[in-house]
C-alpha atoms as a PDB file:
ATOM      1  CA  MET A   1     -64.956  69.453  30.202  1.00  0.00           C
ATOM      2  CA  ARG A   2     -64.800  71.122  26.622  1.00  0.00           C
ATOM      3  CA  ASN A   3     -61.279  71.219  26.158  1.00  0.00           C
ATOM      4  CA  LEU A   4     -61.113  67.877  27.331  1.00  0.00           C
ATOM      5  CA  ALA A   5     -63.527  66.513  24.863  1.00  0.00           C
ATOM      6  CA  LEU A   6     -61.499  68.649  22.214  1.00  0.00           C
ATOM      7  CA  LEU A   7     -57.952  66.632  23.925  1.00  0.00           C
ATOM      8  CA  PHE A   8     -60.054  63.141  23.330  1.00  0.00           C
ATOM      9  CA  ILE A   9     -60.786  64.199  19.277  1.00  0.00           C
ATOM     10  CA  LEU A  10     -56.837  65.634  18.485  1.00  0.00           C
ATOM     11  CA  ALA A  11     -55.225  62.342  20.648  1.00  0.00           C
ATOM     12  CA  ALA A  12     -57.441  60.295  18.037  1.00  0.00           C
ATOM     13  CA  ALA A  13     -56.490  61.931  14.881  1.00  0.00           C
ATOM     14  CA  VAL A  14     -52.818  61.487  15.569  1.00  0.00           C
ATOM     15  CA  GLY A  15     -51.606  59.073  13.429  1.00  0.00           C
ATOM     16  CA  ALA A  16     -54.510  59.654  10.558  1.00  0.00           C
ATOM     17  CA  GLU A  17     -52.893  61.870   8.622  1.00  0.00           C
ATOM     18  CA  GLU A  18     -54.982  62.193   4.569  1.00  0.00           C
ATOM     19  CA  PRO A  19     -53.508  63.449   1.288  1.00  0.00           C
ATOM     20  CA  ARG A  20     -53.622  67.124   1.238  1.00  0.00           C
ATOM     21  CA  PHE A  21     -54.168  68.754  -2.602  1.00  0.00           C
ATOM     22  CA  ALA A  22     -53.338  72.352  -3.717  1.00  0.00           C
ATOM     23  CA  GLY A  23     -56.008  72.203  -7.306  1.00  0.00           C
ATOM     24  CA  GLU A  24     -54.723  68.977  -8.706  1.00  0.00           C
ATOM     25  CA  GLN A  25     -51.289  68.646  -7.214  1.00  0.00           C
ATOM     26  CA  MET A  26     -50.825  66.987  -4.079  1.00  0.00           C
ATOM     27  CA  LEU A  27     -48.572  68.459  -1.429  1.00  0.00           C
ATOM     28  CA  ARG A  28     -45.795  66.300  -0.628  1.00  0.00           C
ATOM     29  CA  PRO A  29     -46.635  64.892   3.311  1.00  0.00           C
ATOM     30  CA  GLN A  30     -43.781  66.177   5.493  1.00  0.00           C
ATOM     31  CA  SER A  31     -43.990  63.764   8.347  1.00  0.00           C
ATOM     32  CA  TYR A  32     -43.479  60.683   6.134  1.00  0.00           C
ATOM     33  CA  ARG A  33     -40.580  59.539   7.346  1.00  0.00           C
ATOM     34  CA  GLU A  34     -42.225  58.724  10.439  1.00  0.00           C
ATOM     35  CA  TRP A  35     -44.830  56.785   9.384  1.00  0.00           C
ATOM     36  CA  VAL A  36     -44.733  52.681   9.114  1.00  0.00           C
ATOM     37  CA  PHE A  37     -41.802  51.370   6.935  1.00  0.00           C
ATOM     38  CA  VAL A  38     -42.984  48.607   5.864  1.00  0.00           C
ATOM     39  CA  GLY A  39     -40.365  47.094   3.536  1.00  0.00           C
ATOM     40  CA  SER A  40     -37.308  47.560   0.869  1.00  0.00           C
ATOM     41  CA  SER A  41     -36.299  46.091  -1.899  1.00  0.00           C
ATOM     42  CA  LEU A  42     -33.294  46.304  -4.297  1.00  0.00           C
ATOM     43  CA  GLY A  43     -33.156  46.535  -8.134  1.00  0.00           C
ATOM     44  CA  MET A  44     -36.750  45.758  -8.691  1.00  0.00           C
ATOM     45  CA  SER A  45     -37.858  45.837 -12.582  1.00  0.00           C
ATOM     46  CA  TYR A  46     -41.097  45.342 -13.324  1.00  0.00           C
ATOM     47  CA  ASN A  47     -40.309  44.176 -17.476  1.00  0.00           C
ATOM     48  CA  GLU A  48     -37.418  41.085 -18.018  1.00  0.00           C
ATOM     49  CA  ASP A  49     -34.820  42.939 -19.104  1.00  0.00           C
ATOM     50  CA  GLY A  50     -35.133  46.147 -17.370  1.00  0.00           C
ATOM     51  CA  ALA A  51     -32.514  44.836 -14.607  1.00  0.00           C
ATOM     52  CA  ALA A  52     -29.966  44.485 -17.371  1.00  0.00           C
ATOM     53  CA  LYS A  53     -30.837  48.307 -18.242  1.00  0.00           C
ATOM     54  CA  LYS A  54     -31.444  49.395 -14.841  1.00  0.00           C
ATOM     55  CA  GLN A  55     -29.145  50.629 -12.305  1.00  0.00           C
ATOM     56  CA  GLN A  56     -29.967  48.689  -8.632  1.00  0.00           C
ATOM     57  CA  ASN A  57     -31.637  51.465  -6.679  1.00  0.00           C
ATOM     58  CA  TYR A  58     -33.274  50.734  -2.960  1.00  0.00           C
ATOM     59  CA  HIS A  59     -36.696  51.404  -2.820  1.00  0.00           C
ATOM     60  CA  VAL A  60     -37.796  52.141   0.990  1.00  0.00           C
ATOM     61  CA  VAL A  61     -41.562  52.215   1.197  1.00  0.00           C
ATOM     62  CA  PHE A  62     -43.516  53.773   4.409  1.00  0.00           C
ATOM     63  CA  LEU A  63     -47.352  53.544   5.152  1.00  0.00           C
ATOM     64  CA  GLU A  64     -49.747  56.676   6.635  1.00  0.00           C
ATOM     65  CA  PRO A  65     -49.964  55.185  10.172  1.00  0.00           C
ATOM     66  CA  GLY A  66     -53.826  55.614  10.340  1.00  0.00           C
ATOM     67  CA  ALA A  67     -54.044  53.435   7.107  1.00  0.00           C
ATOM     68  CA  TRP A  68     -51.988  50.908   8.200  1.00  0.00           C
ATOM     69  CA  LYS A  69     -53.967  50.361  11.379  1.00  0.00           C
ATOM     70  CA  HIS A  70     -56.973  49.866   9.378  1.00  0.00           C
ATOM     71  CA  TYR A  71     -54.776  47.072   7.381  1.00  0.00           C
ATOM     72  CA  GLN A  72     -54.069  45.507  10.175  1.00  0.00           C
ATOM     73  CA  LYS A  73     -57.653  45.009  11.567  1.00  0.00           C
ATOM     74  CA  THR A  74     -59.027  44.610   7.965  1.00  0.00           C
ATOM     75  CA  GLY A  75     -56.467  43.665   5.452  1.00  0.00           C
ATOM     76  CA  THR A  76     -58.083  46.454   3.774  1.00  0.00           C
ATOM     77  CA  PHE A  77     -56.664  49.772   2.759  1.00  0.00           C
ATOM     78  CA  PRO A  78     -58.839  52.675   3.660  1.00  0.00           C
ATOM     79  CA  GLU A  79     -59.958  55.454   1.789  1.00  0.00           C
ATOM     80  CA  LYS A  80     -56.901  58.083   1.589  1.00  0.00           C
ATOM     81  CA  THR A  81     -54.633  55.409   2.340  1.00  0.00           C
ATOM     82  CA  MET A  82     -50.678  56.726   1.226  1.00  0.00           C
ATOM     83  CA  LEU A  83     -47.817  55.297   0.401  1.00  0.00           C
ATOM     84  CA  MET A  84     -44.725  57.079   0.199  1.00  0.00           C
ATOM     85  CA  MET A  85     -41.374  55.267  -1.449  1.00  0.00           C
ATOM     86  CA  GLU A  86     -37.920  56.881  -1.533  1.00  0.00           C
ATOM     87  CA  VAL A  87     -35.232  55.688  -4.305  1.00  0.00           C
ATOM     88  CA  TYR A  88     -31.382  55.331  -3.293  1.00  0.00           C
ATOM     89  CA  SER A  89     -28.800  54.794  -5.267  1.00  0.00           C
ATOM     90  CA  ALA A  90     -26.953  50.846  -4.356  1.00  0.00           C
ATOM     91  CA  GLY A  91     -23.329  51.912  -2.403  1.00  0.00           C
ATOM     92  CA  GLN A  92     -20.637  49.546  -2.500  1.00  0.00           C
ATOM     93  CA  LYS A  93     -16.994  49.523  -1.289  1.00  0.00           C
ATOM     94  CA  GLU A  94     -17.173  52.624   1.162  1.00  0.00           C
ATOM     95  CA  SER A  95     -15.757  53.349   4.453  1.00  0.00           C
ATOM     96  CA  ILE A  96     -15.110  49.409   6.348  1.00  0.00           C
ATOM     97  CA  ASN A  97     -18.029  48.274   3.485  1.00  0.00           C
ATOM     98  CA  ARG A  98     -16.159  45.497   1.291  1.00  0.00           C
ATOM     99  CA  ALA A  99     -19.418  43.140   0.680  1.00  0.00           C
ATOM    100  CA  GLY A 100     -22.908  43.693  -0.273  1.00  0.00           C
ATOM    101  CA  SER A 101     -24.428  46.929  -0.534  1.00  0.00           C
ATOM    102  CA  PHE A 102     -26.557  49.609   0.986  1.00  0.00           C
ATOM    103  CA  ALA A 103     -28.590  52.239   0.534  1.00  0.00           C
ATOM    104  CA  ASP A 104     -26.778  55.766  -0.653  1.00  0.00           C
ATOM    105  CA  ASP A 105     -27.591  58.676  -2.521  1.00  0.00           C
ATOM    106  CA  PHE A 106     -31.466  59.814  -2.243  1.00  0.00           C
ATOM    107  CA  LEU A 107     -32.742  59.790  -5.694  1.00  0.00           C
ATOM    108  CA  ARG A 108     -36.101  60.424  -5.498  1.00  0.00           C
ATOM    109  CA  VAL A 109     -39.293  60.184  -3.594  1.00  0.00           C
ATOM    110  CA  GLU A 110     -42.806  59.124  -5.065  1.00  0.00           C
ATOM    111  CA  ALA A 111     -46.320  58.278  -3.625  1.00  0.00           C
ATOM    112  CA  ALA A 112     -49.591  56.082  -4.420  1.00  0.00           C
ATOM    113  CA  VAL A 113     -53.004  57.683  -2.868  1.00  0.00           C
ATOM    114  CA  LYS A 114     -56.236  56.149  -2.468  1.00  0.00           C
ATOM    115  CA  ASP A 115     -58.840  58.062  -2.997  1.00  0.00           C
ATOM    116  CA  SER A 116     -61.783  56.699  -5.103  1.00  0.00           C
ATOM    117  CA  ALA A 117     -63.817  60.227  -4.686  1.00  0.00           C
ATOM    118  CA  ARG A 118     -60.936  62.276  -6.797  1.00  0.00           C
ATOM    119  CA  PHE A 119     -59.245  59.494  -8.708  1.00  0.00           C
ATOM    120  CA  ASP A 120     -60.837  57.120 -11.188  1.00  0.00           C
ATOM    121  CA  GLY A 121     -60.023  53.347 -10.195  1.00  0.00           C
ATOM    122  CA  GLY A 122     -59.536  54.703  -6.891  1.00  0.00           C
ATOM    123  CA  TRP A 123     -55.484  55.051  -7.095  1.00  0.00           C
ATOM    124  CA  ALA A 124     -52.819  58.001  -8.333  1.00  0.00           C
ATOM    125  CA  TYR A 125     -49.369  57.849  -8.681  1.00  0.00           C
ATOM    126  CA  PHE A 126     -46.649  61.230  -7.825  1.00  0.00           C
ATOM    127  CA  ASP A 127     -43.294  61.735  -8.203  1.00  0.00           C
ATOM    128  CA  PHE A 128     -41.740  64.287  -5.944  1.00  0.00           C
ATOM    129  CA  GLY A 129     -38.299  64.162  -7.472  1.00  0.00           C
ATOM    130  CA  GLY A 130     -35.416  64.528  -5.706  1.00  0.00           C
ATOM    131  CA  PRO A 131     -31.692  65.655  -6.614  1.00  0.00           C
ATOM    132  CA  ALA A 132     -31.534  63.538  -9.727  1.00  0.00           C
ATOM    133  CA  ALA A 133     -34.603  65.272 -10.708  1.00  0.00           C
ATOM    134  CA  GLY A 134     -33.692  68.985 -10.282  1.00  0.00           C
ATOM    135  CA  GLY A 135     -34.463  68.898  -7.227  1.00  0.00           C
ATOM    136  CA  LEU A 136     -37.350  67.601  -4.338  1.00  0.00           C
ATOM    137  CA  LYS A 137     -40.872  69.049  -5.147  1.00  0.00           C
ATOM    138  CA  GLU A 138     -43.496  70.402  -2.707  1.00  0.00           C
ATOM    139  CA  ARG A 139     -46.131  69.389  -4.864  1.00  0.00           C
ATOM    140  CA  SER A 140     -46.813  66.951  -7.508  1.00  0.00           C
ATOM    141  CA  THR A 141     -49.355  66.247 -10.152  1.00  0.00           C
ATOM    142  CA  ALA A 142     -50.901  62.476 -10.463  1.00  0.00           C
ATOM    143  CA  PHE A 143     -49.025  60.056 -13.691  1.00  0.00           C
ATOM    144  CA  ALA A 144     -51.102  59.498 -16.719  1.00  0.00           C
ATOM    145  CA  LYS A 145     -53.264  56.737 -15.630  1.00  0.00           C
ATOM    146  CA  ASP A 146     -51.922  54.552 -17.809  1.00  0.00           C
ATOM    147  CA  ARG A 147     -48.256  54.811 -16.111  1.00  0.00           C
ATOM    148  CA  CYS A 148     -49.060  53.074 -12.946  1.00  0.00           C
ATOM    149  CA  TRP A 149     -52.131  52.592 -11.936  1.00  0.00           C
ATOM    150  CA  SER A 150     -53.026  48.879 -14.675  1.00  0.00           C
ATOM    151  CA  CYS A 151     -50.470  46.933 -14.026  1.00  0.00           C
ATOM    152  CA  HIS A 152     -50.646  48.022  -9.784  1.00  0.00           C
ATOM    153  CA  ASN A 153     -54.354  46.895 -10.424  1.00  0.00           C
ATOM    154  CA  GLU A 154     -53.352  43.351 -12.161  1.00  0.00           C
ATOM    155  CA  HIS A 155     -50.216  42.710 -10.048  1.00  0.00           C
ATOM    156  CA  GLY A 156     -50.938  44.485  -6.685  1.00  0.00           C
ATOM    157  CA  GLY A 157     -51.490  41.823  -3.765  1.00  0.00           C
ATOM    158  CA  THR A 158     -54.231  43.446  -2.242  1.00  0.00           C
ATOM    159  CA  ASP A 159     -56.142  46.497  -3.668  1.00  0.00           C
ATOM    160  CA  ASN A 160     -53.312  47.879  -6.002  1.00  0.00           C
ATOM    161  CA  VAL A 161     -50.488  47.633  -3.712  1.00  0.00           C
ATOM    162  CA  PHE A 162     -47.690  45.412  -4.105  1.00  0.00           C
ATOM    163  CA  THR A 163     -48.135  43.603  -0.364  1.00  0.00           C
ATOM    164  CA  GLN A 164     -46.353  40.674  -2.248  1.00  0.00           C
ATOM    165  CA  PHE A 165     -43.251  42.644  -1.858  1.00  0.00           C
ATOM    166  CA  TYR A 166     -43.608  43.761   1.804  1.00  0.00           C
ATOM    167  CA  PRO A 167     -43.665  40.933   4.040  1.00  0.00           C
ATOM    168  CA  VAL A 168     -45.413  43.135   7.439  1.00  0.00           C
ATOM    169  CA  LEU A 169     -48.436  43.649   5.018  1.00  0.00           C
ATOM    170  CA  ASN A 170     -48.774  39.852   3.177  1.00  0.00           C
ATOM    171  CA  ARG A 171     -49.714  38.549   6.348  1.00  0.00           C
ATOM    172  CA  LYS A 172     -53.498  38.242   6.826  1.00  0.00           C
ATOM    173  CA  PRO A 173     -54.843  40.109   9.978  1.00  0.00           C
END
């Protein structure tokens, strides 16, 4: 009977992964590509002249399944929410493709984490690098708060998250 109770506890925990840290550094979740795909964008820039200067990259965003389930029910992101964003270059005119673009070379992976006990303002943002940044890192220190937090806080559709850009997140629960 005890083993059965343990099995139920483990089954309830599946899909509820929390951020892990080594001191001040976040450890990159290994299974994030199995999380809920919430959306992608191409060439988004946060300032008007940025689009002209910046390479058109694809951003692909995943949300941890436990946070997804909570968000679906409540419309809020729980503590320990993690979003992972992969960045890819835009490829064109390769193989049979003659028009449009596609996500091509993997450039980097970044994270957003909600943990009010750990971070002033509740959220922190991390960069795990990638091939274009000297290699994919297993751990990362949070960006300085003024680098990402204030823009996310001011413009995020829901609780520092740009839900307005992801159709599965901008619908009411």
